[in-house]
Amino acid sequence: MKPVPGGAGQPATETTADAGCWREAARLRREHRAWIVIWLARDNCYRAYRRTPGARRDTVLSAPTARDMANQITRADKAAAVRAHRTPDPS
């Protein structure tokens, strides 16, 4: 196995295996435009941050699989919609 440039001597196969996860993260970003979704190879998990203006800063999701991440995003979006519906109009 060849070392990855800048990869501190990690085998290229590990980086190749992560390529599918990075593609899945890109797919999730396309499907859920209100979220920034990344693959953290070092932690072996997906991470998602809501990018809706005015969203709480602590809206961060973490999941081991793309399917789990999609489910969490869907649940978080539904919960946010319920909260928005309950919030009284300030005017």
N, C-alpha and C. Protein backbone atom coordinates (compact mmCIF):
# COMPACT_ATOMS: atom_id res chain seq x y z
N MET A 1 0.84 -1.19 0.00
CA MET A 1 0.00 0.00 0.00
C MET A 1 0.88 1.24 0.00
N LYS A 2 0.47 2.23 -0.80
CA LYS A 2 1.21 3.47 -0.88
C LYS A 2 0.68 4.46 0.15
N PRO A 3 1.57 5.22 0.78
CA PRO A 3 1.09 6.27 1.69
C PRO A 3 0.37 7.37 0.91
N VAL A 4 -0.59 7.96 1.54
CA VAL A 4 -1.32 9.07 0.96
C VAL A 4 -0.52 10.34 1.17
N PRO A 5 -0.37 11.18 0.13
CA PRO A 5 0.35 12.44 0.34
C PRO A 5 -0.30 13.26 1.44
N GLY A 6 0.49 13.64 2.41
CA GLY A 6 -0.02 14.43 3.53
C GLY A 6 -0.84 13.62 4.51
N GLY A 7 -0.90 12.30 4.32
CA GLY A 7 -1.74 11.47 5.15
C GLY A 7 -1.00 10.83 6.31
N ALA A 8 0.16 11.31 6.66
CA ALA A 8 0.95 10.81 7.80
C ALA A 8 1.16 9.31 7.73
N GLY A 9 1.38 8.80 6.52
CA GLY A 9 1.70 7.40 6.35
C GLY A 9 0.54 6.44 6.44
N GLN A 10 -0.70 6.94 6.41
CA GLN A 10 -1.84 6.04 6.43
C GLN A 10 -1.98 5.37 5.07
N PRO A 11 -2.43 4.12 5.04
CA PRO A 11 -2.58 3.41 3.78
C PRO A 11 -3.61 4.06 2.87
N ALA A 12 -3.37 4.01 1.57
CA ALA A 12 -4.27 4.60 0.59
C ALA A 12 -5.64 3.93 0.63
N THR A 13 -5.72 2.66 1.00
CA THR A 13 -7.01 1.97 1.02
C THR A 13 -7.98 2.59 2.02
N GLU A 14 -7.50 3.12 3.13
CA GLU A 14 -8.38 3.78 4.09
C GLU A 14 -9.00 5.02 3.46
N THR A 15 -8.21 5.78 2.75
CA THR A 15 -8.72 6.97 2.10
C THR A 15 -9.70 6.59 0.99
N THR A 16 -9.41 5.53 0.27
CA THR A 16 -10.31 5.07 -0.78
C THR A 16 -11.65 4.64 -0.20
N ALA A 17 -11.62 3.95 0.92
CA ALA A 17 -12.87 3.52 1.56
C ALA A 17 -13.70 4.73 2.01
N ASP A 18 -13.04 5.79 2.43
CA ASP A 18 -13.75 6.99 2.86
C ASP A 18 -14.38 7.74 1.69
N ALA A 19 -13.89 7.53 0.49
CA ALA A 19 -14.41 8.25 -0.68
C ALA A 19 -15.91 8.03 -0.82
N GLY A 20 -16.38 6.83 -0.58
CA GLY A 20 -17.82 6.56 -0.65
C GLY A 20 -18.59 7.34 0.40
N CYS A 21 -18.01 7.48 1.57
CA CYS A 21 -18.66 8.25 2.63
C CYS A 21 -18.70 9.73 2.28
N TRP A 22 -17.64 10.23 1.66
CA TRP A 22 -17.64 11.64 1.23
C TRP A 22 -18.69 11.87 0.15
N ARG A 23 -18.87 10.89 -0.75
CA ARG A 23 -19.92 11.01 -1.77
C ARG A 23 -21.30 11.01 -1.12
N GLU A 24 -21.48 10.17 -0.11
CA GLU A 24 -22.76 10.14 0.60
C GLU A 24 -23.02 11.47 1.31
N ALA A 25 -22.00 12.06 1.89
CA ALA A 25 -22.15 13.37 2.53
C ALA A 25 -22.58 14.42 1.51
N ALA A 26 -21.98 14.37 0.32
CA ALA A 26 -22.35 15.31 -0.75
C ALA A 26 -23.81 15.09 -1.16
N ARG A 27 -24.23 13.83 -1.26
CA ARG A 27 -25.62 13.52 -1.61
C ARG A 27 -26.56 14.07 -0.55
N LEU A 28 -26.21 13.87 0.73
CA LEU A 28 -27.05 14.39 1.81
C LEU A 28 -27.15 15.91 1.76
N ARG A 29 -26.04 16.59 1.42
CA ARG A 29 -26.08 18.06 1.29
C ARG A 29 -27.03 18.48 0.18
N ARG A 30 -27.02 17.74 -0.93
CA ARG A 30 -27.93 18.07 -2.04
C ARG A 30 -29.39 17.84 -1.65
N GLU A 31 -29.65 16.78 -0.90
CA GLU A 31 -31.02 16.45 -0.52
C GLU A 31 -31.55 17.30 0.63
N HIS A 32 -30.66 17.81 1.46
CA HIS A 32 -31.05 18.59 2.64
C HIS A 32 -30.29 19.91 2.60
N ARG A 33 -30.76 20.82 1.78
CA ARG A 33 -30.05 22.08 1.51
C ARG A 33 -29.87 22.97 2.74
N ALA A 34 -30.68 22.78 3.75
CA ALA A 34 -30.57 23.62 4.95
C ALA A 34 -29.50 23.12 5.91
N TRP A 35 -28.77 22.09 5.51
CA TRP A 35 -27.77 21.49 6.39
C TRP A 35 -26.42 21.41 5.71
N ILE A 36 -25.38 21.60 6.49
CA ILE A 36 -24.01 21.33 6.05
C ILE A 36 -23.69 19.94 6.57
N VAL A 37 -23.41 19.00 5.69
CA VAL A 37 -23.13 17.62 6.08
C VAL A 37 -21.71 17.27 5.65
N ILE A 38 -20.94 16.74 6.57
CA ILE A 38 -19.56 16.35 6.28
C ILE A 38 -19.30 14.94 6.80
N TRP A 39 -18.30 14.30 6.23
CA TRP A 39 -17.82 13.00 6.71
C TRP A 39 -16.54 13.25 7.47
N LEU A 40 -16.47 12.82 8.71
CA LEU A 40 -15.26 12.95 9.52
C LEU A 40 -14.56 11.59 9.54
N ALA A 41 -13.60 11.42 8.64
CA ALA A 41 -12.91 10.14 8.50
C ALA A 41 -12.23 9.73 9.81
N ARG A 42 -11.63 10.68 10.45
CA ARG A 42 -10.91 10.38 11.69
C ARG A 42 -11.83 9.83 12.77
N ASP A 43 -13.06 10.36 12.83
CA ASP A 43 -14.03 9.92 13.83
C ASP A 43 -14.97 8.85 13.29
N ASN A 44 -14.87 8.58 11.99
CA ASN A 44 -15.69 7.56 11.35
C ASN A 44 -17.18 7.84 11.52
N CYS A 45 -17.58 9.10 11.29
CA CYS A 45 -19.00 9.46 11.41
C CYS A 45 -19.32 10.66 10.54
N TYR A 46 -20.61 10.83 10.30
CA TYR A 46 -21.12 12.00 9.59
C TYR A 46 -21.47 13.05 10.63
N ARG A 47 -21.32 14.31 10.26
CA ARG A 47 -21.70 15.41 11.14
C ARG A 47 -22.52 16.38 10.30
N ALA A 48 -23.56 16.92 10.88
CA ALA A 48 -24.42 17.87 10.17
C ALA A 48 -24.67 19.09 11.04
N TYR A 49 -24.63 20.24 10.40
CA TYR A 49 -24.87 21.53 11.07
C TYR A 49 -25.98 22.24 10.31
N ARG A 50 -26.99 22.70 11.05
CA ARG A 50 -28.07 23.45 10.39
C ARG A 50 -27.53 24.80 9.93
N ARG A 51 -27.84 25.19 8.71
CA ARG A 51 -27.37 26.49 8.23
C ARG A 51 -28.50 27.47 7.96
N THR A 52 -29.61 27.25 8.59
CA THR A 52 -30.73 28.16 8.48
C THR A 52 -30.41 29.43 9.26
N PRO A 53 -30.61 30.60 8.67
CA PRO A 53 -30.35 31.85 9.40
C PRO A 53 -31.18 31.89 10.68
N GLY A 54 -30.54 32.25 11.76
CA GLY A 54 -31.23 32.35 13.03
C GLY A 54 -31.34 31.03 13.77
N ALA A 55 -30.79 29.95 13.19
CA ALA A 55 -30.86 28.66 13.87
C ALA A 55 -29.98 28.69 15.11
N ARG A 56 -30.36 27.90 16.08
CA ARG A 56 -29.55 27.81 17.30
C ARG A 56 -28.18 27.26 16.94
N ARG A 57 -27.17 27.80 17.57
CA ARG A 57 -25.80 27.38 17.28
C ARG A 57 -25.51 25.95 17.71
N ASP A 58 -26.32 25.41 18.59
CA ASP A 58 -26.04 24.07 19.08
C ASP A 58 -26.74 22.98 18.27
N THR A 59 -27.25 23.32 17.09
CA THR A 59 -27.92 22.34 16.25
C THR A 59 -26.86 21.58 15.46
N VAL A 60 -26.37 20.50 16.06
CA VAL A 60 -25.35 19.65 15.46
C VAL A 60 -25.80 18.21 15.60
N LEU A 61 -25.73 17.47 14.50
CA LEU A 61 -26.10 16.06 14.51
C LEU A 61 -24.88 15.22 14.18
N SER A 62 -24.85 14.00 14.70
CA SER A 62 -23.75 13.08 14.43
C SER A 62 -24.33 11.68 14.26
N ALA A 63 -23.85 10.95 13.23
CA ALA A 63 -24.37 9.60 12.98
C ALA A 63 -23.30 8.75 12.30
N PRO A 64 -23.34 7.44 12.55
CA PRO A 64 -22.34 6.55 11.96
C PRO A 64 -22.59 6.20 10.50
N THR A 65 -23.86 6.33 10.03
CA THR A 65 -24.17 5.99 8.64
C THR A 65 -24.95 7.12 7.98
N ALA A 66 -24.92 7.13 6.65
CA ALA A 66 -25.66 8.15 5.90
C ALA A 66 -27.16 8.01 6.15
N ARG A 67 -27.64 6.79 6.25
CA ARG A 67 -29.07 6.57 6.50
C ARG A 67 -29.46 7.14 7.87
N ASP A 68 -28.65 6.87 8.88
CA ASP A 68 -28.93 7.41 10.21
C ASP A 68 -28.92 8.94 10.19
N MET A 69 -27.97 9.51 9.44
CA MET A 69 -27.90 10.98 9.36
C MET A 69 -29.15 11.53 8.68
N ALA A 70 -29.58 10.92 7.60
CA ALA A 70 -30.78 11.38 6.90
C ALA A 70 -31.99 11.33 7.83
N ASN A 71 -32.10 10.25 8.60
CA ASN A 71 -33.22 10.13 9.55
C ASN A 71 -33.16 11.21 10.63
N GLN A 72 -31.97 11.49 11.14
CA GLN A 72 -31.83 12.54 12.16
C GLN A 72 -32.19 13.91 11.60
N ILE A 73 -31.74 14.18 10.39
CA ILE A 73 -32.05 15.48 9.76
C ILE A 73 -33.56 15.62 9.58
N THR A 74 -34.21 14.56 9.12
CA THR A 74 -35.66 14.60 8.93
C THR A 74 -36.37 14.86 10.25
N ARG A 75 -35.95 14.17 11.32
CA ARG A 75 -36.57 14.38 12.63
C ARG A 75 -36.32 15.80 13.13
N ALA A 76 -35.10 16.32 12.94
CA ALA A 76 -34.78 17.68 13.40
C ALA A 76 -35.60 18.71 12.63
N ASP A 77 -35.77 18.51 11.33
CA ASP A 77 -36.58 19.44 10.53
C ASP A 77 -38.04 19.43 10.97
N LYS A 78 -38.56 18.24 11.25
CA LYS A 78 -39.95 18.14 11.73
C LYS A 78 -40.11 18.82 13.09
N ALA A 79 -39.15 18.60 13.98
CA ALA A 79 -39.21 19.23 15.30
C ALA A 79 -39.14 20.75 15.19
N ALA A 80 -38.29 21.25 14.30
CA ALA A 80 -38.18 22.69 14.10
C ALA A 80 -39.48 23.27 13.55
N ALA A 81 -40.13 22.53 12.66
CA ALA A 81 -41.39 23.00 12.09
C ALA A 81 -42.47 23.06 13.16
N VAL A 82 -42.49 22.09 14.06
CA VAL A 82 -43.46 22.08 15.16
C VAL A 82 -43.20 23.26 16.08
N ARG A 83 -41.92 23.50 16.41
CA ARG A 83 -41.58 24.64 17.28
C ARG A 83 -41.97 25.95 16.62
N ALA A 84 -41.73 26.08 15.33
CA ALA A 84 -42.07 27.32 14.62
C ALA A 84 -43.58 27.54 14.61
N HIS A 85 -44.31 26.46 14.50
CA HIS A 85 -45.78 26.56 14.48
C HIS A 85 -46.32 26.97 15.84
N ARG A 86 -45.67 26.54 16.92
CA ARG A 86 -46.10 26.86 18.29
C ARG A 86 -45.70 28.25 18.73
N THR A 87 -44.64 28.80 18.14
CA THR A 87 -44.12 30.10 18.56
C THR A 87 -45.13 31.19 18.23
N PRO A 88 -45.57 31.94 19.24
CA PRO A 88 -46.53 33.01 18.97
C PRO A 88 -45.90 34.14 18.17
N ASP A 89 -46.71 34.80 17.40
CA ASP A 89 -46.27 35.93 16.59
C ASP A 89 -45.97 37.11 17.51
N PRO A 90 -44.73 37.67 17.44
CA PRO A 90 -44.36 38.76 18.36
C PRO A 90 -45.11 40.07 18.12
N SER A 91 -45.82 40.20 17.02
CA SER A 91 -46.50 41.47 16.74
C SER A 91 -47.88 41.55 17.31
